[in-house]
Amino acid sequence: MNSEKIPATVITGFLGAGKTTLVRNLLATANGKRIALIINEFGDLGVDGDVLAGCGDETCTEDDIVELTNGCICCTVADDFVPTMTKLLNSDRRPDHIVIETSGLALPQPLVNAFNWPEIREQVTVDGVVTVVDSAAVADGKFAHDHHAVDAQRQADENLDHESPLEELFEDQITCADMIILNKSDLVNEAQMAGVEHDVRHSTQKRVKMIRAGKDNAPGADILLGLGVGTEADIENRKSHHELHHADGHEHDHDDFESFVVEGGEVSDMTALPQKLVDIIEKHDVLRLKGFCAVKDRDMRLVVQAVGNRIDTYFDRDWNEGEARVSRLVVIGLHDFDENGVKDEVAAALT
């Protein structure tokens, strides 16, 4: 067995920030380096893993992709992640580099700490944590907030709860980062980007390198890999809100979020589908919607990726022989949204 530790890169970021697109570009620029992927989904439909498996890159075959679809990776370290890593390390196709794409709802800290487990630390080290940020979302003020203003409002009305799990999650992913990708920079102007950089930089006490990225300038393997940080040795300086607030060992959960899959048949009007989904997202404040659609009279599968009211669609591959031509979308939202209403409306849109 090769005694040199295998480097592992953790790619984290909030829902819809563009992690999967970043991984696809990483694979395309790997220059023959054998990459093993561990993809973690929040929900029952492994959309991201399926998209990456269809990329056809020789440096990362379908056999090198492992999906963890039964929960958030930060909650299933012992049950899922450690056994997966052990199996990967004992396989005949020992990778040159491991890339882990976390769910958009995952805390990266427990995952990084798992690399200190005896079964893993002797063979693998965390090359770096890359956090992907949706610059357009931050520019809209969805995660940037004034702590002093919040404290003032809380003092004015003790009945108000101003703590947002989404804002805390955003800050936790920034706090754990060794590199921050300010993605979707092409969707905002220069003044807005300056504001985004300011807000992100002030979300952590560390000085972290930030890189702007957009549709036509995604960073590749030469930038994302080879950081050589050894992040697992610095985990004490990257504690999450949860760890700071629950030092007694209270378990982390995701009761604030719900996810489910909506299945339908072939979509008859592909051009009308995005607006139908936008209307549903805005009406019910859906956080994330992603999946695949069968389109009538089209031989290829349509990928749907939505965050907020921005929706991207593209055909990724032909339907396989014998594969059921069905549409399946994962919907993720806060726990108190109208699940039944969303299910009915999304199902109606998939006609």
Protein backbone atom coordinates (compact mmCIF):
# COMPACT_ATOMS: atom_id res chain seq x y z
CA MET A 1 0.00 0.00 0.00
CA ASN A 2 1.21 3.47 -0.83
CA SER A 3 2.31 5.11 2.43
CA GLU A 4 1.71 8.63 1.13
CA LYS A 5 -1.56 10.13 2.33
CA ILE A 6 -4.28 10.69 -0.25
CA PRO A 7 -5.41 14.33 -0.35
CA ALA A 8 -9.14 14.99 -0.02
CA THR A 9 -10.97 18.18 -0.98
CA VAL A 10 -14.27 19.03 0.69
CA ILE A 11 -16.54 21.19 -1.46
CA THR A 12 -19.33 22.80 0.53
CA GLY A 13 -21.74 25.66 0.02
CA PHE A 14 -25.36 26.55 0.40
CA LEU A 15 -28.20 25.20 -1.72
CA GLY A 16 -27.81 26.11 -5.39
CA ALA A 17 -24.45 27.82 -5.03
CA GLY A 18 -23.03 25.81 -7.94
CA LYS A 19 -21.06 23.00 -6.28
CA THR A 20 -21.91 20.32 -8.85
CA THR A 21 -20.97 22.59 -11.76
CA LEU A 22 -17.67 23.30 -10.02
CA VAL A 23 -17.00 19.56 -9.62
CA ARG A 24 -17.78 18.92 -13.28
CA ASN A 25 -15.21 21.52 -14.29
CA LEU A 26 -12.71 20.06 -11.82
CA LEU A 27 -13.06 16.66 -13.48
CA ALA A 28 -12.70 18.17 -16.94
CA THR A 29 -9.37 19.78 -15.94
CA ALA A 30 -7.92 16.93 -13.84
CA ASN A 31 -5.31 16.06 -16.51
CA GLY A 32 -5.40 12.33 -15.92
CA LYS A 33 -5.46 12.47 -12.13
CA ARG A 34 -7.72 9.69 -10.84
CA ILE A 35 -10.50 11.33 -8.82
CA ALA A 36 -12.89 9.54 -6.48
CA LEU A 37 -16.12 11.38 -5.71
CA ILE A 38 -18.33 11.14 -2.65
CA ILE A 39 -21.62 12.92 -3.28
CA ASN A 40 -23.97 13.65 -0.38
CA GLU A 41 -27.62 14.46 -1.11
CA PHE A 42 -30.31 15.87 1.15
CA GLY A 43 -33.37 14.03 -0.11
CA ASP A 44 -34.23 10.75 -1.77
CA LEU A 45 -33.23 11.43 -5.38
CA GLY A 46 -29.50 11.42 -6.14
CA VAL A 47 -29.58 14.21 -8.70
CA ASP A 48 -26.02 15.52 -8.39
CA GLY A 49 -24.46 12.07 -8.50
CA ASP A 50 -26.47 11.20 -11.59
CA VAL A 51 -25.41 14.41 -13.32
CA LEU A 52 -21.74 13.76 -12.53
CA ALA A 53 -22.00 10.10 -13.54
CA GLY A 54 -23.18 11.23 -16.94
CA CYS A 55 -20.15 13.43 -17.57
CA GLY A 56 -18.21 10.54 -19.12
CA ASP A 57 -14.82 11.69 -17.84
CA GLU A 58 -12.15 8.97 -17.91
CA THR A 59 -10.51 10.36 -14.77
CA CYS A 60 -13.64 9.61 -12.77
CA THR A 61 -15.75 6.68 -13.93
CA GLU A 62 -19.14 5.73 -12.52
CA ASP A 63 -17.34 3.15 -10.35
CA ASP A 64 -15.43 6.01 -8.69
CA ILE A 65 -18.61 7.85 -7.62
CA VAL A 66 -20.26 7.06 -4.29
CA GLU A 67 -23.58 8.61 -3.31
CA LEU A 68 -24.80 9.03 0.27
CA THR A 69 -28.50 9.77 -0.16
CA ASN A 70 -29.99 8.82 3.19
CA GLY A 71 -29.23 11.96 5.13
CA CYS A 72 -26.93 14.89 5.69
CA ILE A 73 -23.30 13.76 5.80
CA CYS A 74 -22.60 15.74 8.96
CA CYS A 75 -25.17 13.59 10.78
CA THR A 76 -24.13 10.21 9.37
CA VAL A 77 -20.33 10.26 9.74
CA ALA A 78 -20.07 7.02 11.72
CA ASP A 79 -22.80 5.13 9.86
CA ASP A 80 -22.07 6.19 6.29
CA PHE A 81 -18.98 8.29 5.69
CA VAL A 82 -16.35 6.29 7.59
CA PRO A 83 -17.42 2.92 6.08
CA THR A 84 -17.53 4.52 2.64
CA MET A 85 -14.01 5.89 3.02
CA THR A 86 -12.73 2.55 4.31
CA LYS A 87 -14.20 0.74 1.33
CA LEU A 88 -12.77 3.32 -1.05
CA LEU A 89 -9.28 3.05 0.45
CA ASN A 90 -9.35 -0.74 0.22
CA SER A 91 -10.50 -0.84 -3.40
CA ASP A 92 -8.31 -1.87 -6.34
CA ARG A 93 -8.77 1.59 -7.90
CA ARG A 94 -6.92 3.60 -5.27
CA PRO A 95 -7.54 7.27 -6.15
CA ASP A 96 -5.00 10.04 -6.54
CA HIS A 97 -7.40 12.51 -4.96
CA ILE A 98 -10.78 12.32 -3.21
CA VAL A 99 -13.41 15.02 -3.75
CA ILE A 100 -16.38 15.21 -1.40
CA GLU A 101 -19.37 17.33 -2.38
CA THR A 102 -21.52 17.93 0.68
CA SER A 103 -25.22 18.60 0.74
CA GLY A 104 -26.14 22.27 0.75
CA LEU A 105 -27.52 21.72 4.24
CA ALA A 106 -24.38 20.13 5.70
CA LEU A 107 -22.12 21.51 8.37
CA PRO A 108 -18.59 20.89 7.07
CA GLN A 109 -17.00 20.80 10.53
CA PRO A 110 -18.13 17.26 11.58
CA LEU A 111 -17.03 15.92 8.22
CA VAL A 112 -13.56 17.47 8.48
CA ASN A 113 -13.24 16.18 12.04
CA ALA A 114 -13.99 12.66 10.77
CA PHE A 115 -10.61 12.68 9.05
CA ASN A 116 -9.11 12.41 12.53
CA TRP A 117 -10.66 8.97 12.98
CA PRO A 118 -7.90 6.31 13.22
CA GLU A 119 -9.31 4.41 10.23
CA ILE A 120 -8.86 7.46 8.02
CA ARG A 121 -6.11 9.75 9.35
CA GLU A 122 -3.29 7.31 8.56
CA GLN A 123 -4.18 7.26 4.86
CA VAL A 124 -6.00 10.52 4.03
CA THR A 125 -5.58 14.21 4.79
CA VAL A 126 -7.88 17.14 4.02
CA ASP A 127 -6.13 19.06 1.25
CA GLY A 128 -8.57 21.91 1.77
CA VAL A 129 -12.18 22.98 2.25
CA VAL A 130 -13.62 24.93 -0.67
CA THR A 131 -16.81 26.87 0.08
CA VAL A 132 -18.92 27.97 -2.88
CA VAL A 133 -20.97 31.14 -2.39
CA ASP A 134 -23.90 32.29 -4.50
CA SER A 135 -22.84 35.90 -5.05
CA ALA A 136 -26.21 36.91 -6.45
CA ALA A 137 -28.00 35.64 -3.33
CA VAL A 138 -25.61 37.49 -1.03
CA ALA A 139 -26.02 40.64 -3.12
CA ASP A 140 -29.77 40.35 -2.51
CA GLY A 141 -29.10 40.39 1.23
CA LYS A 142 -30.29 36.86 1.89
CA PHE A 143 -27.40 35.88 4.15
CA ALA A 144 -25.60 39.10 4.99
CA HIS A 145 -26.93 40.69 8.18
CA ASP A 146 -26.04 43.31 10.75
CA HIS A 147 -25.50 41.66 14.13
CA HIS A 148 -25.76 45.00 15.96
CA ALA A 149 -29.12 45.73 14.33
CA VAL A 150 -30.39 42.27 15.19
CA ASP A 151 -29.34 42.68 18.82
CA ALA A 152 -31.08 46.05 18.94
CA GLN A 153 -34.30 44.55 17.57
CA ARG A 154 -34.12 41.64 19.99
CA GLN A 155 -33.77 44.00 22.93
CA ALA A 156 -36.72 46.01 21.67
CA ASP A 157 -38.99 42.94 21.52
CA GLU A 158 -37.98 39.92 23.58
CA ASN A 159 -40.67 37.81 21.89
CA LEU A 160 -38.95 37.98 18.52
CA ASP A 161 -36.60 35.23 17.40
CA HIS A 162 -34.11 36.69 14.93
CA GLU A 163 -31.78 33.73 14.70
CA SER A 164 -31.96 32.19 11.25
CA PRO A 165 -30.65 28.64 10.72
CA LEU A 166 -29.89 29.56 7.11
CA GLU A 167 -27.69 32.48 8.10
CA GLU A 168 -25.87 30.39 10.68
CA LEU A 169 -25.30 27.60 8.17
CA PHE A 170 -23.91 30.11 5.68
CA GLU A 171 -21.49 31.47 8.27
CA ASP A 172 -20.44 27.98 9.37
CA GLN A 173 -19.53 27.04 5.80
CA ILE A 174 -17.52 30.25 5.47
CA THR A 175 -15.80 29.68 8.83
CA CYS A 176 -14.58 26.23 7.77
CA ALA A 177 -13.26 27.37 4.37
CA ASP A 178 -9.67 27.35 3.16
CA MET A 179 -10.78 28.89 -0.13
CA ILE A 180 -14.01 30.70 -1.03
CA ILE A 181 -15.40 30.66 -4.56
CA LEU A 182 -17.62 33.70 -5.13
CA ASN A 183 -19.73 32.01 -7.78
CA LYS A 184 -22.23 33.59 -10.19
CA SER A 185 -20.26 36.83 -10.20
CA ASP A 186 -21.49 37.39 -13.74
CA LEU A 187 -25.02 37.96 -12.37
CA VAL A 188 -24.08 41.07 -10.36
CA ASN A 189 -22.33 44.34 -11.14
CA GLU A 190 -18.97 45.47 -9.78
CA ALA A 191 -20.42 47.53 -6.93
CA GLN A 192 -22.52 44.58 -5.81
CA MET A 193 -19.53 42.23 -5.99
CA ALA A 194 -17.56 44.59 -3.77
CA GLY A 195 -20.41 44.39 -1.28
CA VAL A 196 -20.47 40.60 -1.52
CA GLU A 197 -16.74 40.39 -0.83
CA HIS A 198 -17.15 42.68 2.17
CA ASP A 199 -20.04 40.67 3.62
CA VAL A 200 -18.36 37.31 3.09
CA ARG A 201 -15.04 38.51 4.52
CA HIS A 202 -16.81 39.78 7.64
CA SER A 203 -18.60 36.45 8.13
CA THR A 204 -15.37 34.92 9.44
CA GLN A 205 -12.44 36.04 11.54
CA LYS A 206 -9.98 34.20 9.29
CA ARG A 207 -8.30 35.65 6.23
CA VAL A 208 -9.36 33.32 3.42
CA LYS A 209 -8.50 33.60 -0.26
CA MET A 210 -11.58 34.49 -2.32
CA ILE A 211 -11.88 33.83 -6.05
CA ARG A 212 -14.56 35.24 -8.32
CA ALA A 213 -16.19 32.76 -10.67
CA GLY A 214 -18.98 32.81 -13.21
CA LYS A 215 -20.42 30.95 -16.11
CA ASP A 216 -17.36 31.40 -18.31
CA ASN A 217 -14.54 31.41 -15.73
CA ALA A 218 -15.02 28.48 -13.36
CA PRO A 219 -11.82 27.50 -11.53
CA GLY A 220 -10.33 24.12 -12.42
CA ALA A 221 -8.28 21.42 -10.75
CA ASP A 222 -5.09 23.49 -10.86
CA ILE A 223 -6.71 26.02 -8.50
CA LEU A 224 -8.97 23.80 -6.39
CA LEU A 225 -6.57 20.92 -5.72
CA GLY A 226 -3.16 20.95 -4.09
CA LEU A 227 -3.85 23.46 -1.31
CA GLY A 228 -2.00 21.20 1.15
CA VAL A 229 -3.68 22.65 4.24
CA GLY A 230 -4.27 19.56 6.40
CA THR A 231 -7.52 21.12 7.61
CA GLU A 232 -8.33 18.29 10.04
CA ALA A 233 -5.48 19.46 12.29
CA ASP A 234 -7.04 22.94 12.58
CA ILE A 235 -10.64 21.96 13.35
CA GLU A 236 -10.60 23.64 16.77
CA ASN A 237 -10.32 27.03 15.06
CA ARG A 238 -13.33 26.39 12.81
CA LYS A 239 -16.15 25.62 15.24
CA SER A 240 -19.72 26.00 13.98
CA HIS A 241 -22.54 27.88 15.70
CA HIS A 242 -23.90 24.52 16.78
CA GLU A 243 -20.64 23.48 18.41
CA LEU A 244 -20.29 26.83 20.16
CA HIS A 245 -23.89 26.80 21.42
CA HIS A 246 -24.10 23.09 22.27
CA ALA A 247 -20.80 22.17 23.88
CA ASP A 248 -22.74 19.61 25.92
CA GLY A 249 -22.87 17.27 22.92
CA HIS A 250 -26.47 17.95 21.88
CA GLU A 251 -26.96 16.26 18.52
CA HIS A 252 -27.35 18.28 15.35
CA ASP A 253 -30.51 17.79 13.32
CA HIS A 254 -32.24 19.25 10.31
CA ASP A 255 -35.75 19.72 11.65
CA ASP A 256 -35.77 23.16 10.05
CA PHE A 257 -35.78 21.59 6.58
CA GLU A 258 -38.01 19.21 4.66
CA SER A 259 -37.36 17.46 1.37
CA PHE A 260 -39.44 15.19 -0.83
CA VAL A 261 -39.59 13.91 -4.39
CA VAL A 262 -42.39 14.71 -6.84
CA GLU A 263 -42.80 12.34 -9.76
CA GLY A 264 -44.68 12.96 -12.99
CA GLY A 265 -44.88 11.93 -16.61
CA GLU A 266 -43.64 13.64 -19.75
CA VAL A 267 -43.72 17.42 -19.89
CA SER A 268 -45.73 18.56 -22.90
CA ASP A 269 -44.55 22.20 -23.03
CA MET A 270 -40.89 22.58 -22.10
CA THR A 271 -40.89 26.35 -22.68
CA ALA A 272 -43.66 26.91 -20.13
CA LEU A 273 -42.14 24.68 -17.44
CA PRO A 274 -39.59 27.17 -15.97
CA GLN A 275 -42.19 29.87 -15.34
CA LYS A 276 -44.57 27.35 -13.79
CA LEU A 277 -41.85 26.29 -11.38
CA VAL A 278 -40.87 29.90 -10.63
CA ASP A 279 -44.47 30.65 -9.68
CA ILE A 280 -44.51 27.67 -7.30
CA ILE A 281 -41.15 28.59 -5.77
CA GLU A 282 -42.19 32.18 -5.12
CA LYS A 283 -45.63 31.25 -3.80
CA HIS A 284 -44.34 28.70 -1.31
CA ASP A 285 -40.85 30.10 -0.64
CA VAL A 286 -39.16 26.90 -1.83
CA LEU A 287 -35.40 26.91 -1.13
CA ARG A 288 -34.25 24.46 -3.80
CA LEU A 289 -35.70 22.40 -6.62
CA LYS A 290 -33.70 20.03 -8.79
CA GLY A 291 -34.09 16.87 -10.80
CA PHE A 292 -34.84 15.46 -14.23
CA CYS A 293 -37.75 15.73 -16.64
CA ALA A 294 -38.91 13.70 -19.59
CA VAL A 295 -40.04 16.00 -22.40
CA LYS A 296 -42.56 14.90 -24.98
CA ASP A 297 -41.04 14.22 -28.42
CA ARG A 298 -37.49 14.71 -27.09
CA ASP A 299 -34.97 11.83 -26.91
CA MET A 300 -32.83 13.49 -24.23
CA ARG A 301 -33.34 13.95 -20.50
CA LEU A 302 -33.86 17.52 -19.25
CA VAL A 303 -31.96 18.56 -16.10
CA VAL A 304 -33.71 21.15 -13.91
CA GLN A 305 -31.75 23.13 -11.30
CA ALA A 306 -33.50 25.94 -9.41
CA VAL A 307 -32.47 28.11 -6.48
CA GLY A 308 -34.68 31.01 -5.55
CA ASN A 309 -36.43 32.14 -8.71
CA ARG A 310 -33.44 31.35 -10.95
CA ILE A 311 -33.90 28.19 -12.98
CA ASP A 312 -31.38 26.49 -15.26
CA THR A 313 -32.40 23.72 -17.66
CA TYR A 314 -30.33 21.71 -20.09
CA PHE A 315 -30.39 18.33 -21.83
CA ASP A 316 -27.65 16.10 -20.43
CA ARG A 317 -28.03 12.70 -22.16
CA ASP A 318 -30.29 10.37 -24.11
CA TRP A 319 -32.73 8.20 -22.20
CA ASN A 320 -31.27 4.73 -21.81
CA GLU A 321 -32.92 1.76 -23.42
CA GLY A 322 -35.53 0.37 -21.04
CA GLU A 323 -35.30 3.42 -18.75
CA ALA A 324 -38.69 4.76 -17.65
CA ARG A 325 -39.39 8.18 -19.15
CA VAL A 326 -40.55 9.85 -15.95
CA SER A 327 -39.98 13.27 -14.44
CA ARG A 328 -38.65 13.41 -10.87
CA LEU A 329 -37.89 16.59 -8.93
CA VAL A 330 -36.50 17.02 -5.41
CA VAL A 331 -38.08 19.90 -3.48
CA ILE A 332 -36.36 21.36 -0.39
CA GLY A 333 -37.93 23.94 1.89
CA LEU A 334 -38.29 25.03 5.48
CA HIS A 335 -40.22 22.63 7.69
CA ASP A 336 -43.37 24.78 7.89
CA PHE A 337 -44.03 25.22 4.15
CA ASP A 338 -47.15 23.77 2.50
CA GLU A 339 -45.79 20.36 1.47
CA ASN A 340 -49.08 19.01 0.11
CA GLY A 341 -49.74 22.17 -1.85
CA VAL A 342 -46.26 22.15 -3.36
CA LYS A 343 -46.55 18.47 -4.28
CA ASP A 344 -49.85 19.03 -6.08
CA GLU A 345 -48.65 22.11 -7.97
CA VAL A 346 -45.31 20.61 -9.03
CA ALA A 347 -47.06 17.45 -10.18
CA ALA A 348 -49.43 19.59 -12.24
CA ALA A 349 -46.47 21.42 -13.80
CA LEU A 350 -44.96 18.06 -14.86
CA THR A 351 -47.67 17.43 -17.46
